[in-house]
């Protein structure tokens, strides 16, 4: 069995080898960017998957959905930090 350091090195070599053969990095990562919660297009698709809403309404809802997602994420992070602080204080 390999050590964590060896596995990390193997993964790094594999990643560098893969990217060395890619001509268009932007095209290669387009799907990942489009499907990321950081992408506004992601939220447009989440609130109106069929694309039936008027554009202005879809934009408003996407903004709200994205804001709600990040607020929940911040709350989870705060809770995790508080739990870690409580464990370390004990």
PDB file of N, CA and C in Angstrom:
ATOM      1  N   UNK A   1       0.848  -1.189   0.000  1.00  0.00           N
ATOM      2  CA  UNK A   1       0.000   0.000   0.000  1.00  0.00           C
ATOM      3  C   UNK A   1       0.887   1.245   0.000  1.00  0.00           C
ATOM      4  N   UNK A   2       0.472   2.238  -0.748  1.00  0.00           N
ATOM      5  CA  UNK A   2       1.279   3.455  -0.836  1.00  0.00           C
ATOM      6  C   UNK A   2       0.904   4.427   0.283  1.00  0.00           C
ATOM      7  N   UNK A   3       1.830   5.297   0.585  1.00  0.00           N
ATOM      8  CA  UNK A   3       1.614   6.300   1.628  1.00  0.00           C
ATOM      9  C   UNK A   3       0.779   7.444   1.058  1.00  0.00           C
ATOM     10  N   UNK A   4       0.212   8.283   1.922  1.00  0.00           N
ATOM     11  CA  UNK A   4      -0.534   9.444   1.424  1.00  0.00           C
ATOM     12  C   UNK A   4       0.328  10.347   0.530  1.00  0.00           C
ATOM     13  N   UNK A   5       1.582  10.502   0.874  1.00  0.00           N
ATOM     14  CA  UNK A   5       2.474  11.339   0.063  1.00  0.00           C
ATOM     15  C   UNK A   5       2.677  10.733  -1.326  1.00  0.00           C
ATOM     16  N   UNK A   6       2.823   9.408  -1.387  1.00  0.00           N
ATOM     17  CA  UNK A   6       2.995   8.740  -2.680  1.00  0.00           C
ATOM     18  C   UNK A   6       1.733   8.852  -3.529  1.00  0.00           C
ATOM     19  N   UNK A   7       0.578   8.676  -2.906  1.00  0.00           N
ATOM     20  CA  UNK A   7      -0.686   8.810  -3.642  1.00  0.00           C
ATOM     21  C   UNK A   7      -0.864  10.238  -4.153  1.00  0.00           C
ATOM     22  N   UNK A   8      -0.482  11.212  -3.333  1.00  0.00           N
ATOM     23  CA  UNK A   8      -0.562  12.608  -3.756  1.00  0.00           C
ATOM     24  C   UNK A   8       0.331  12.872  -4.957  1.00  0.00           C
ATOM     25  N   UNK A   9       1.531  12.343  -4.919  1.00  0.00           N
ATOM     26  CA  UNK A   9       2.468  12.509  -6.039  1.00  0.00           C
ATOM     27  C   UNK A   9       1.923  11.839  -7.297  1.00  0.00           C
ATOM     28  N   UNK A  10       1.373  10.629  -7.141  1.00  0.00           N
ATOM     29  CA  UNK A  10       0.800   9.924  -8.288  1.00  0.00           C
ATOM     30  C   UNK A  10      -0.360  10.724  -8.900  1.00  0.00           C
ATOM     31  N   UNK A  11      -1.204  11.271  -8.054  1.00  0.00           N
ATOM     32  CA  UNK A  11      -2.336  12.060  -8.537  1.00  0.00           C
ATOM     33  C   UNK A  11      -1.860  13.324  -9.241  1.00  0.00           C
ATOM     34  N   UNK A  12      -0.848  13.950  -8.680  1.00  0.00           N
ATOM     35  CA  UNK A  12      -0.303  15.163  -9.280  1.00  0.00           C
ATOM     36  C   UNK A  12       0.297  14.875 -10.652  1.00  0.00           C
ATOM     37  N   UNK A  13       1.039  13.791 -10.762  1.00  0.00           N
ATOM     38  CA  UNK A  13       1.621  13.401 -12.053  1.00  0.00           C
ATOM     39  C   UNK A  13       0.499  13.138 -13.066  1.00  0.00           C
ATOM     40  N   UNK A  14      -0.528  12.428 -12.648  1.00  0.00           N
ATOM     41  CA  UNK A  14      -1.645  12.128 -13.546  1.00  0.00           C
ATOM     42  C   UNK A  14      -2.341  13.410 -14.009  1.00  0.00           C
ATOM     43  N   UNK A  15      -2.562  14.334 -13.101  1.00  0.00           N
ATOM     44  CA  UNK A  15      -3.222  15.593 -13.462  1.00  0.00           C
ATOM     45  C   UNK A  15      -2.367  16.401 -14.432  1.00  0.00           C
ATOM     46  N   UNK A  16      -1.094  16.503 -14.159  1.00  0.00           N
ATOM     47  CA  UNK A  16      -0.210  17.253 -15.055  1.00  0.00           C
ATOM     48  C   UNK A  16      -0.125  16.594 -16.429  1.00  0.00           C
ATOM     49  N   UNK A  17      -0.091  15.268 -16.448  1.00  0.00           N
ATOM     50  CA  UNK A  17      -0.055  14.541 -17.720  1.00  0.00           C
ATOM     51  C   UNK A  17      -1.321  14.802 -18.520  1.00  0.00           C
ATOM     52  N   UNK A  18      -2.459  14.758 -17.851  1.00  0.00           N
ATOM     53  CA  UNK A  18      -3.727  15.002 -18.529  1.00  0.00           C
ATOM     54  C   UNK A  18      -3.772  16.402 -19.121  1.00  0.00           C
ATOM     55  N   UNK A  19      -3.444  17.408 -18.306  1.00  0.00           N
ATOM     56  CA  UNK A  19      -3.525  18.792 -18.769  1.00  0.00           C
ATOM     57  C   UNK A  19      -2.478  19.119 -19.821  1.00  0.00           C
ATOM     58  N   UNK A  20      -1.390  18.380 -19.858  1.00  0.00           N
ATOM     59  CA  UNK A  20      -0.365  18.614 -20.877  1.00  0.00           C
ATOM     60  C   UNK A  20      -0.897  18.329 -22.280  1.00  0.00           C
ATOM     61  N   UNK A  21      -1.898  17.456 -22.376  1.00  0.00           N
ATOM     62  CA  UNK A  21      -2.438  17.085 -23.681  1.00  0.00           C
ATOM     63  C   UNK A  21      -3.686  17.846 -24.088  1.00  0.00           C
ATOM     64  N   UNK A  22      -4.125  18.793 -23.289  1.00  0.00           N
ATOM     65  CA  UNK A  22      -5.361  19.521 -23.577  1.00  0.00           C
ATOM     66  C   UNK A  22      -5.034  20.796 -24.349  1.00  0.00           C
ATOM     67  N   UNK A  23      -5.664  20.949 -25.519  1.00  0.00           N
ATOM     68  CA  UNK A  23      -5.407  22.134 -26.332  1.00  0.00           C
ATOM     69  C   UNK A  23      -6.233  23.336 -25.877  1.00  0.00           C
ATOM     70  N   UNK A  24      -7.507  23.124 -25.566  1.00  0.00           N
ATOM     71  CA  UNK A  24      -8.392  24.230 -25.209  1.00  0.00           C
ATOM     72  C   UNK A  24      -8.900  24.026 -23.777  1.00  0.00           C
ATOM     73  N   UNK A  25      -8.200  24.609 -22.819  1.00  0.00           N
ATOM     74  CA  UNK A  25      -8.561  24.439 -21.412  1.00  0.00           C
ATOM     75  C   UNK A  25      -9.929  25.032 -21.093  1.00  0.00           C
ATOM     76  N   UNK A  26     -10.272  26.120 -21.730  1.00  0.00           N
ATOM     77  CA  UNK A  26     -11.565  26.755 -21.489  1.00  0.00           C
ATOM     78  C   UNK A  26     -12.700  25.817 -21.889  1.00  0.00           C
ATOM     79  N   UNK A  27     -12.604  25.238 -23.063  1.00  0.00           N
ATOM     80  CA  UNK A  27     -13.632  24.300 -23.516  1.00  0.00           C
ATOM     81  C   UNK A  27     -13.667  23.053 -22.644  1.00  0.00           C
ATOM     82  N   UNK A  28     -12.507  22.614 -22.215  1.00  0.00           N
ATOM     83  CA  UNK A  28     -12.398  21.398 -21.403  1.00  0.00           C
ATOM     84  C   UNK A  28     -13.108  21.543 -20.051  1.00  0.00           C
ATOM     85  N   UNK A  29     -13.117  22.746 -19.511  1.00  0.00           N
ATOM     86  CA  UNK A  29     -13.718  22.955 -18.190  1.00  0.00           C
ATOM     87  C   UNK A  29     -15.077  23.658 -18.247  1.00  0.00           C
ATOM     88  N   UNK A  30     -15.622  23.853 -19.443  1.00  0.00           N
ATOM     89  CA  UNK A  30     -16.886  24.585 -19.596  1.00  0.00           C
ATOM     90  C   UNK A  30     -18.036  23.924 -18.830  1.00  0.00           C
ATOM     91  N   UNK A  31     -18.181  22.609 -18.936  1.00  0.00           N
ATOM     92  CA  UNK A  31     -19.279  21.920 -18.242  1.00  0.00           C
ATOM     93  C   UNK A  31     -19.175  22.085 -16.733  1.00  0.00           C
ATOM     94  N   UNK A  32     -17.969  21.968 -16.216  1.00  0.00           N
ATOM     95  CA  UNK A  32     -17.778  22.103 -14.768  1.00  0.00           C
ATOM     96  C   UNK A  32     -18.136  23.517 -14.307  1.00  0.00           C
ATOM     97  N   UNK A  33     -17.730  24.516 -15.069  1.00  0.00           N
ATOM     98  CA  UNK A  33     -18.054  25.893 -14.690  1.00  0.00           C
ATOM     99  C   UNK A  33     -19.552  26.146 -14.775  1.00  0.00           C
ATOM    100  N   UNK A  34     -20.192  25.627 -15.811  1.00  0.00           N
ATOM    101  CA  UNK A  34     -21.629  25.824 -16.012  1.00  0.00           C
ATOM    102  C   UNK A  34     -22.438  25.140 -14.906  1.00  0.00           C
ATOM    103  N   UNK A  35     -21.953  24.019 -14.394  1.00  0.00           N
ATOM    104  CA  UNK A  35     -22.678  23.253 -13.378  1.00  0.00           C
ATOM    105  C   UNK A  35     -22.236  23.564 -11.958  1.00  0.00           C
ATOM    106  N   UNK A  36     -21.495  24.627 -11.784  1.00  0.00           N
ATOM    107  CA  UNK A  36     -21.014  25.017 -10.465  1.00  0.00           C
ATOM    108  C   UNK A  36     -21.985  26.003  -9.814  1.00  0.00           C
ATOM    109  N   UNK A  37     -22.250  25.859  -8.505  1.00  0.00           N
ATOM    110  CA  UNK A  37     -23.105  26.829  -7.820  1.00  0.00           C
ATOM    111  C   UNK A  37     -22.556  28.259  -7.885  1.00  0.00           C
ATOM    112  N   UNK A  38     -21.294  28.419  -8.217  1.00  0.00           N
ATOM    113  CA  UNK A  38     -20.722  29.756  -8.363  1.00  0.00           C
ATOM    114  C   UNK A  38     -21.174  30.411  -9.667  1.00  0.00           C
ATOM    115  N   UNK A  39     -21.694  29.615 -10.596  1.00  0.00           N
ATOM    116  CA  UNK A  39     -22.124  30.111 -11.901  1.00  0.00           C
ATOM    117  C   UNK A  39     -23.572  30.593 -11.849  1.00  0.00           C
ATOM    118  N   UNK A  40     -23.821  31.773 -12.387  1.00  0.00           N
ATOM    119  CA  UNK A  40     -25.193  32.291 -12.402  1.00  0.00           C
ATOM    120  C   UNK A  40     -26.085  31.426 -13.291  1.00  0.00           C
ATOM    121  N   UNK A  41     -25.525  30.875 -14.357  1.00  0.00           N
ATOM    122  CA  UNK A  41     -26.302  30.006 -15.242  1.00  0.00           C
ATOM    123  C   UNK A  41     -26.818  28.774 -14.498  1.00  0.00           C
ATOM    124  N   UNK A  42     -26.040  28.297 -13.543  1.00  0.00           N
ATOM    125  CA  UNK A  42     -26.468  27.170 -12.715  1.00  0.00           C
ATOM    126  C   UNK A  42     -27.784  27.507 -12.014  1.00  0.00           C
ATOM    127  N   UNK A  43     -27.850  28.675 -11.407  1.00  0.00           N
ATOM    128  CA  UNK A  43     -29.045  29.074 -10.662  1.00  0.00           C
ATOM    129  C   UNK A  43     -30.212  29.366 -11.586  1.00  0.00           C
ATOM    130  N   UNK A  44     -29.934  29.871 -12.781  1.00  0.00           N
ATOM    131  CA  UNK A  44     -31.009  30.098 -13.753  1.00  0.00           C
ATOM    132  C   UNK A  44     -31.659  28.752 -14.094  1.00  0.00           C
ATOM    133  N   UNK A  45     -30.840  27.726 -14.263  1.00  0.00           N
ATOM    134  CA  UNK A  45     -31.367  26.399 -14.550  1.00  0.00           C
ATOM    135  C   UNK A  45     -32.073  25.764 -13.372  1.00  0.00           C
ATOM    136  N   UNK A  46     -31.616  26.082 -12.163  1.00  0.00           N
ATOM    137  CA  UNK A  46     -32.240  25.527 -10.966  1.00  0.00           C
ATOM    138  C   UNK A  46     -33.648  26.082 -10.754  1.00  0.00           C
ATOM    139  N   UNK A  47     -33.828  27.373 -10.959  1.00  0.00           N
ATOM    140  CA  UNK A  47     -35.127  27.989 -10.683  1.00  0.00           C
ATOM    141  C   UNK A  47     -36.112  27.825 -11.834  1.00  0.00           C
ATOM    142  N   UNK A  48     -35.614  27.583 -13.041  1.00  0.00           N
ATOM    143  CA  UNK A  48     -36.494  27.446 -14.211  1.00  0.00           C
ATOM    144  C   UNK A  48     -35.885  26.460 -15.204  1.00  0.00           C
ATOM    145  N   UNK A  49     -35.933  25.160 -14.871  1.00  0.00           N
ATOM    146  CA  UNK A  49     -35.270  24.162 -15.724  1.00  0.00           C
ATOM    147  C   UNK A  49     -35.784  24.137 -17.171  1.00  0.00           C
ATOM    148  N   UNK A  50     -37.068  24.426 -17.370  1.00  0.00           N
ATOM    149  CA  UNK A  50     -37.624  24.393 -18.726  1.00  0.00           C
ATOM    150  C   UNK A  50     -37.451  25.718 -19.466  1.00  0.00           C
ATOM    151  N   UNK A  51     -37.009  26.762 -18.769  1.00  0.00           N
ATOM    152  CA  UNK A  51     -36.813  28.061 -19.411  1.00  0.00           C
ATOM    153  C   UNK A  51     -38.102  28.738 -19.821  1.00  0.00           C
ATOM    154  N   UNK A  52     -39.164  28.553 -19.053  1.00  0.00           N
ATOM    155  CA  UNK A  52     -40.483  29.101 -19.398  1.00  0.00           C
ATOM    156  C   UNK A  52     -40.766  30.466 -18.785  1.00  0.00           C
ATOM    157  N   UNK A  53     -40.050  30.826 -17.738  1.00  0.00           N
ATOM    158  CA  UNK A  53     -40.305  32.108 -17.069  1.00  0.00           C
ATOM    159  C   UNK A  53     -39.786  33.270 -17.904  1.00  0.00           C
ATOM    160  N   UNK A  54     -40.395  34.425 -17.713  1.00  0.00           N
ATOM    161  CA  UNK A  54     -39.817  35.623 -18.337  1.00  0.00           C
ATOM    162  C   UNK A  54     -38.396  35.827 -17.773  1.00  0.00           C
ATOM    163  N   UNK A  55     -37.527  36.340 -18.605  1.00  0.00           N
ATOM    164  CA  UNK A  55     -36.119  36.477 -18.223  1.00  0.00           C
ATOM    165  C   UNK A  55     -35.941  37.267 -16.931  1.00  0.00           C
ATOM    166  N   UNK A  56     -36.657  38.359 -16.780  1.00  0.00           N
ATOM    167  CA  UNK A  56     -36.502  39.203 -15.586  1.00  0.00           C
ATOM    168  C   UNK A  56     -36.871  38.430 -14.327  1.00  0.00           C
ATOM    169  N   UNK A  57     -37.953  37.668 -14.380  1.00  0.00           N
ATOM    170  CA  UNK A  57     -38.383  36.875 -13.225  1.00  0.00           C
ATOM    171  C   UNK A  57     -37.369  35.774 -12.919  1.00  0.00           C
ATOM    172  N   UNK A  58     -36.866  35.129 -13.953  1.00  0.00           N
ATOM    173  CA  UNK A  58     -35.873  34.070 -13.759  1.00  0.00           C
ATOM    174  C   UNK A  58     -34.606  34.623 -13.109  1.00  0.00           C
ATOM    175  N   UNK A  59     -34.184  35.804 -13.532  1.00  0.00           N
ATOM    176  CA  UNK A  59     -32.993  36.433 -12.952  1.00  0.00           C
ATOM    177  C   UNK A  59     -33.220  36.731 -11.480  1.00  0.00           C
ATOM    178  N   UNK A  60     -34.381  37.296 -11.131  1.00  0.00           N
ATOM    179  CA  UNK A  60     -34.679  37.608  -9.723  1.00  0.00           C
ATOM    180  C   UNK A  60     -34.641  36.344  -8.867  1.00  0.00           C
ATOM    181  N   UNK A  61     -35.292  35.305  -9.350  1.00  0.00           N
ATOM    182  CA  UNK A  61     -35.341  34.061  -8.582  1.00  0.00           C
ATOM    183  C   UNK A  61     -33.964  33.407  -8.466  1.00  0.00           C
ATOM    184  N   UNK A  62     -33.196  33.490  -9.536  1.00  0.00           N
ATOM    185  CA  UNK A  62     -31.844  32.918  -9.503  1.00  0.00           C
ATOM    186  C   UNK A  62     -30.988  33.669  -8.483  1.00  0.00           C
ATOM    187  N   UNK A  63     -31.100  34.987  -8.449  1.00  0.00           N
ATOM    188  CA  UNK A  63     -30.355  35.781  -7.465  1.00  0.00           C
ATOM    189  C   UNK A  63     -30.736  35.378  -6.045  1.00  0.00           C
ATOM    190  N   UNK A  64     -32.051  35.205  -5.802  1.00  0.00           N
ATOM    191  CA  UNK A  64     -32.513  34.799  -4.479  1.00  0.00           C
ATOM    192  C   UNK A  64     -32.049  33.395  -4.111  1.00  0.00           C
ATOM    193  N   UNK A  65     -32.119  32.479  -5.048  1.00  0.00           N
ATOM    194  CA  UNK A  65     -31.692  31.107  -4.783  1.00  0.00           C
ATOM    195  C   UNK A  65     -30.192  31.053  -4.481  1.00  0.00           C
ATOM    196  N   UNK A  66     -29.406  31.807  -5.245  1.00  0.00           N
ATOM    197  CA  UNK A  66     -27.959  31.830  -5.022  1.00  0.00           C
ATOM    198  C   UNK A  66     -27.643  32.444  -3.662  1.00  0.00           C
ATOM    199  N   UNK A  67     -28.313  33.546  -3.325  1.00  0.00           N
ATOM    200  CA  UNK A  67     -28.083  34.189  -2.033  1.00  0.00           C
ATOM    201  C   UNK A  67     -28.452  33.246  -0.885  1.00  0.00           C
ATOM    202  N   UNK A  68     -29.583  32.555  -1.010  1.00  0.00           N
ATOM    203  CA  UNK A  68     -30.014  31.617   0.031  1.00  0.00           C
ATOM    204  C   UNK A  68     -28.997  30.489   0.195  1.00  0.00           C
ATOM    205  N   UNK A  69     -28.489  29.976  -0.900  1.00  0.00           N
ATOM    206  CA  UNK A  69     -27.493  28.899  -0.860  1.00  0.00           C
ATOM    207  C   UNK A  69     -26.261  29.340  -0.083  1.00  0.00           C
ATOM    208  N   UNK A  70     -25.750  30.524  -0.405  1.00  0.00           N
ATOM    209  CA  UNK A  70     -24.528  30.986   0.259  1.00  0.00           C
ATOM    210  C   UNK A  70     -24.776  31.365   1.716  1.00  0.00           C
ATOM    211  N   UNK A  71     -25.966  31.854   2.040  1.00  0.00           N
ATOM    212  CA  UNK A  71     -26.296  32.131   3.446  1.00  0.00           C
ATOM    213  C   UNK A  71     -26.316  30.831   4.248  1.00  0.00           C
ATOM    214  N   UNK A  72     -26.916  29.777   3.683  1.00  0.00           N
ATOM    215  CA  UNK A  72     -26.926  28.473   4.359  1.00  0.00           C
ATOM    216  C   UNK A  72     -25.507  27.943   4.529  1.00  0.00           C
ATOM    217  N   UNK A  73     -24.695  28.117   3.497  1.00  0.00           N
ATOM    218  CA  UNK A  73     -23.311  27.666   3.563  1.00  0.00           C
ATOM    219  C   UNK A  73     -22.550  28.390   4.665  1.00  0.00           C
ATOM    220  N   UNK A  74     -22.765  29.703   4.786  1.00  0.00           N
ATOM    221  CA  UNK A  74     -22.109  30.479   5.849  1.00  0.00           C
ATOM    222  C   UNK A  74     -22.569  30.021   7.232  1.00  0.00           C
ATOM    223  N   UNK A  75     -23.863  29.729   7.366  1.00  0.00           N
ATOM    224  CA  UNK A  75     -24.386  29.263   8.649  1.00  0.00           C
ATOM    225  C   UNK A  75     -23.757  27.918   9.034  1.00  0.00           C
ATOM    226  N   UNK A  76     -23.618  27.027   8.062  1.00  0.00           N
ATOM    227  CA  UNK A  76     -22.983  25.737   8.332  1.00  0.00           C
ATOM    228  C   UNK A  76     -21.526  25.917   8.739  1.00  0.00           C
ATOM    229  N   UNK A  77     -20.842  26.836   8.077  1.00  0.00           N
ATOM    230  CA  UNK A  77     -19.434  27.089   8.411  1.00  0.00           C
ATOM    231  C   UNK A  77     -19.309  27.645   9.818  1.00  0.00           C
ATOM    232  N   UNK A  78     -20.187  28.579  10.171  1.00  0.00           N
ATOM    233  CA  UNK A  78     -20.165  29.135  11.539  1.00  0.00           C
ATOM    234  C   UNK A  78     -20.423  28.051  12.577  1.00  0.00           C
ATOM    235  N   UNK A  79     -21.381  27.181  12.306  1.00  0.00           N
ATOM    236  CA  UNK A  79     -21.699  26.096  13.240  1.00  0.00           C
ATOM    237  C   UNK A  79     -20.517  25.136  13.382  1.00  0.00           C
ATOM    238  N   UNK A  80     -19.866  24.827  12.271  1.00  0.00           N
ATOM    239  CA  UNK A  80     -18.716  23.928  12.320  1.00  0.00           C
ATOM    240  C   UNK A  80     -17.568  24.559  13.113  1.00  0.00           C
ATOM    241  N   UNK A  81     -17.331  25.851  12.919  1.00  0.00           N
ATOM    242  CA  UNK A  81     -16.271  26.537  13.663  1.00  0.00           C
ATOM    243  C   UNK A  81     -16.590  26.567  15.153  1.00  0.00           C
ATOM    244  N   UNK A  82     -17.855  26.815  15.493  1.00  0.00           N
ATOM    245  CA  UNK A  82     -18.252  26.849  16.899  1.00  0.00           C
ATOM    246  C   UNK A  82     -18.088  25.470  17.536  1.00  0.00           C
ATOM    247  N   UNK A  83     -18.465  24.440  16.802  1.00  0.00           N
ATOM    248  CA  UNK A  83     -18.334  23.077  17.326  1.00  0.00           C
ATOM    249  C   UNK A  83     -16.856  22.729  17.533  1.00  0.00           C
ATOM    250  N   UNK A  84     -16.022  23.129  16.585  1.00  0.00           N
ATOM    251  CA  UNK A  84     -14.588  22.863  16.716  1.00  0.00           C
ATOM    252  C   UNK A  84     -14.003  23.622  17.903  1.00  0.00           C
ATOM    253  N   UNK A  85     -14.401  24.870  18.085  1.00  0.00           N
ATOM    254  CA  UNK A  85     -13.919  25.655  19.215  1.00  0.00           C
ATOM    255  C   UNK A  85     -14.363  25.026  20.538  1.00  0.00           C
ATOM    256  N   UNK A  86     -15.595  24.523  20.576  1.00  0.00           N
ATOM    257  CA  UNK A  86     -16.093  23.896  21.798  1.00  0.00           C
ATOM    258  C   UNK A  86     -15.320  22.610  22.110  1.00  0.00           C
ATOM    259  N   UNK A  87     -15.007  21.827  21.070  1.00  0.00           N
ATOM    260  CA  UNK A  87     -14.224  20.593  21.276  1.00  0.00           C
ATOM    261  C   UNK A  87     -12.818  20.922  21.775  1.00  0.00           C
ATOM    262  N   UNK A  88     -12.218  21.942  21.205  1.00  0.00           N
ATOM    263  CA  UNK A  88     -10.857  22.312  21.595  1.00  0.00           C
ATOM    264  C   UNK A  88     -10.804  22.917  22.982  1.00  0.00           C
ATOM    265  N   UNK A  89     -11.903  23.570  23.407  1.00  0.00           N
ATOM    266  CA  UNK A  89     -11.941  24.187  24.745  1.00  0.00           C
ATOM    267  C   UNK A  89     -12.162  23.144  25.839  1.00  0.00           C
ATOM    268  N   UNK A  90     -12.753  22.037  25.448  1.00  0.00           N
ATOM    269  CA  UNK A  90     -13.060  20.997  26.434  1.00  0.00           C
ATOM    270  C   UNK A  90     -11.849  20.198  26.839  1.00  0.00           C
TER     271      UNK A  90
END
